[in-house]
């Protein structure tokens, strides 16, 4: 099942994020929907294409990490749900503790 294939525990967490895309002058402000040690589902006003690489900033810590959009965005009431994964491991990026996997 998808749950068994999931690599990391997801945590519901709404926090601000800033998207920095190369070639765009203005950053895009959004929020997280869920986060994990390997990435996040973020909510943006507009979707980003699968395969788009960009820098994601956690404004609370000023940390930045390179991410990749893994699937096309899904439309929701709050905007576009954009699934991203870290290009390199960054388990401390969200500054929260993740419970261990049960499997």
C-alpha atoms as a PDB file:
ATOM      1  CA  UNK A   1       0.000   0.000   0.000  1.00  0.00           C
ATOM      2  CA  UNK A   2       0.997   3.642  -0.264  1.00  0.00           C
ATOM      3  CA  UNK A   3       1.269   3.794   3.523  1.00  0.00           C
ATOM      4  CA  UNK A   4       3.817   0.955   3.505  1.00  0.00           C
ATOM      5  CA  UNK A   5       5.843   2.610   0.731  1.00  0.00           C
ATOM      6  CA  UNK A   6       5.957   5.963   2.500  1.00  0.00           C
ATOM      7  CA  UNK A   7       9.546   6.601   3.517  1.00  0.00           C
ATOM      8  CA  UNK A   8       8.914   8.954   6.398  1.00  0.00           C
ATOM      9  CA  UNK A   9       6.279   9.781   8.976  1.00  0.00           C
ATOM     10  CA  UNK A  10       4.135  12.780   7.980  1.00  0.00           C
ATOM     11  CA  UNK A  11       3.064  15.402  10.485  1.00  0.00           C
ATOM     12  CA  UNK A  12       0.213  17.896   9.980  1.00  0.00           C
ATOM     13  CA  UNK A  13       1.844  21.297  10.418  1.00  0.00           C
ATOM     14  CA  UNK A  14       0.829  24.695   9.056  1.00  0.00           C
ATOM     15  CA  UNK A  15       3.775  27.045   8.956  1.00  0.00           C
ATOM     16  CA  UNK A  16       4.918  29.729   6.508  1.00  0.00           C
ATOM     17  CA  UNK A  17       7.443  28.864   3.782  1.00  0.00           C
ATOM     18  CA  UNK A  18       9.110  30.915   1.067  1.00  0.00           C
ATOM     19  CA  UNK A  19       9.752  29.516  -2.419  1.00  0.00           C
ATOM     20  CA  UNK A  20      12.757  30.879  -4.330  1.00  0.00           C
ATOM     21  CA  UNK A  21      12.774  29.930  -8.030  1.00  0.00           C
ATOM     22  CA  UNK A  22      15.849  30.703 -10.134  1.00  0.00           C
ATOM     23  CA  UNK A  23      15.067  33.398 -12.685  1.00  0.00           C
ATOM     24  CA  UNK A  24      12.083  34.801 -10.766  1.00  0.00           C
ATOM     25  CA  UNK A  25      12.645  38.098  -8.969  1.00  0.00           C
ATOM     26  CA  UNK A  26       9.965  37.771  -6.326  1.00  0.00           C
ATOM     27  CA  UNK A  27       9.784  34.817  -3.959  1.00  0.00           C
ATOM     28  CA  UNK A  28       6.455  32.996  -3.545  1.00  0.00           C
ATOM     29  CA  UNK A  29       4.961  32.837  -0.059  1.00  0.00           C
ATOM     30  CA  UNK A  30       3.021  29.768   0.997  1.00  0.00           C
ATOM     31  CA  UNK A  31       2.325  27.396   3.872  1.00  0.00           C
ATOM     32  CA  UNK A  32       2.986  23.786   4.686  1.00  0.00           C
ATOM     33  CA  UNK A  33       0.098  21.322   4.838  1.00  0.00           C
ATOM     34  CA  UNK A  34       2.086  18.304   6.030  1.00  0.00           C
ATOM     35  CA  UNK A  35       5.818  17.881   6.625  1.00  0.00           C
ATOM     36  CA  UNK A  36       8.178  14.922   6.910  1.00  0.00           C
ATOM     37  CA  UNK A  37      11.897  14.382   7.391  1.00  0.00           C
ATOM     38  CA  UNK A  38      12.194  14.004   3.588  1.00  0.00           C
ATOM     39  CA  UNK A  39       9.946  16.802   2.282  1.00  0.00           C
ATOM     40  CA  UNK A  40       6.497  18.361   2.531  1.00  0.00           C
ATOM     41  CA  UNK A  41       3.151  19.103   0.972  1.00  0.00           C
ATOM     42  CA  UNK A  42       3.048  22.871   0.567  1.00  0.00           C
ATOM     43  CA  UNK A  43       0.125  25.147  -0.289  1.00  0.00           C
ATOM     44  CA  UNK A  44       0.782  27.835  -2.905  1.00  0.00           C
ATOM     45  CA  UNK A  45      -1.532  30.221  -4.766  1.00  0.00           C
ATOM     46  CA  UNK A  46      -0.471  28.543  -8.042  1.00  0.00           C
ATOM     47  CA  UNK A  47       0.821  25.059  -8.748  1.00  0.00           C
ATOM     48  CA  UNK A  48       4.327  24.225  -9.931  1.00  0.00           C
ATOM     49  CA  UNK A  49       5.090  21.617 -12.591  1.00  0.00           C
ATOM     50  CA  UNK A  50       6.372  18.190 -11.569  1.00  0.00           C
ATOM     51  CA  UNK A  51      10.171  18.160 -11.813  1.00  0.00           C
ATOM     52  CA  UNK A  52      10.527  21.847 -10.886  1.00  0.00           C
ATOM     53  CA  UNK A  53      13.541  22.361  -8.630  1.00  0.00           C
ATOM     54  CA  UNK A  54      13.684  25.345  -6.270  1.00  0.00           C
ATOM     55  CA  UNK A  55      14.952  26.572  -2.918  1.00  0.00           C
ATOM     56  CA  UNK A  56      12.523  26.279  -0.008  1.00  0.00           C
ATOM     57  CA  UNK A  57      13.074  28.604   2.950  1.00  0.00           C
ATOM     58  CA  UNK A  58      11.852  28.140   6.509  1.00  0.00           C
ATOM     59  CA  UNK A  59      11.436  31.800   7.569  1.00  0.00           C
ATOM     60  CA  UNK A  60      11.354  30.872  11.263  1.00  0.00           C
ATOM     61  CA  UNK A  61      14.927  29.543  11.121  1.00  0.00           C
ATOM     62  CA  UNK A  62      16.149  31.191   7.871  1.00  0.00           C
ATOM     63  CA  UNK A  63      17.260  27.706   6.769  1.00  0.00           C
ATOM     64  CA  UNK A  64      17.096  26.926   3.056  1.00  0.00           C
ATOM     65  CA  UNK A  65      16.995  23.563   1.308  1.00  0.00           C
ATOM     66  CA  UNK A  66      16.872  22.498  -2.347  1.00  0.00           C
ATOM     67  CA  UNK A  67      13.683  20.626  -3.261  1.00  0.00           C
ATOM     68  CA  UNK A  68      12.018  18.954  -6.237  1.00  0.00           C
ATOM     69  CA  UNK A  69       8.285  18.863  -7.078  1.00  0.00           C
ATOM     70  CA  UNK A  70       7.530  15.124  -7.201  1.00  0.00           C
ATOM     71  CA  UNK A  71       4.013  15.113  -8.725  1.00  0.00           C
ATOM     72  CA  UNK A  72       1.649  17.608 -10.347  1.00  0.00           C
ATOM     73  CA  UNK A  73      -0.075  19.914  -7.855  1.00  0.00           C
ATOM     74  CA  UNK A  74      -3.619  19.143  -6.702  1.00  0.00           C
ATOM     75  CA  UNK A  75      -6.158  21.943  -6.415  1.00  0.00           C
ATOM     76  CA  UNK A  76      -7.710  22.473  -2.991  1.00  0.00           C
ATOM     77  CA  UNK A  77      -9.816  25.184  -1.363  1.00  0.00           C
ATOM     78  CA  UNK A  78      -6.723  26.874   0.050  1.00  0.00           C
ATOM     79  CA  UNK A  79      -4.729  26.844  -3.199  1.00  0.00           C
ATOM     80  CA  UNK A  80      -2.531  24.287  -4.940  1.00  0.00           C
ATOM     81  CA  UNK A  81      -1.116  21.382  -2.920  1.00  0.00           C
ATOM     82  CA  UNK A  82       2.463  20.949  -4.167  1.00  0.00           C
ATOM     83  CA  UNK A  83       4.346  17.790  -3.043  1.00  0.00           C
ATOM     84  CA  UNK A  84       8.096  18.372  -2.677  1.00  0.00           C
ATOM     85  CA  UNK A  85      11.032  16.237  -1.591  1.00  0.00           C
ATOM     86  CA  UNK A  86      14.417  17.372  -0.325  1.00  0.00           C
ATOM     87  CA  UNK A  87      17.258  16.776  -2.812  1.00  0.00           C
ATOM     88  CA  UNK A  88      19.559  16.033   0.149  1.00  0.00           C
ATOM     89  CA  UNK A  89      18.523  14.732   3.580  1.00  0.00           C
ATOM     90  CA  UNK A  90      17.499  17.590   5.900  1.00  0.00           C
ATOM     91  CA  UNK A  91      15.691  16.018   8.879  1.00  0.00           C
ATOM     92  CA  UNK A  92      16.193  19.135  11.047  1.00  0.00           C
ATOM     93  CA  UNK A  93      14.784  21.592   8.470  1.00  0.00           C
ATOM     94  CA  UNK A  94      11.328  21.844  10.076  1.00  0.00           C
ATOM     95  CA  UNK A  95      12.776  22.173  13.579  1.00  0.00           C
ATOM     96  CA  UNK A  96      10.384  19.543  14.984  1.00  0.00           C
ATOM     97  CA  UNK A  97      10.723  15.980  16.297  1.00  0.00           C
ATOM     98  CA  UNK A  98       9.326  13.218  14.088  1.00  0.00           C
ATOM     99  CA  UNK A  99       7.945  10.075  15.738  1.00  0.00           C
ATOM    100  CA  UNK A 100       9.715   6.871  14.664  1.00  0.00           C
ATOM    101  CA  UNK A 101       8.135   4.730  11.932  1.00  0.00           C
ATOM    102  CA  UNK A 102       6.119   1.825  13.308  1.00  0.00           C
ATOM    103  CA  UNK A 103       6.847  -0.692  10.516  1.00  0.00           C
END
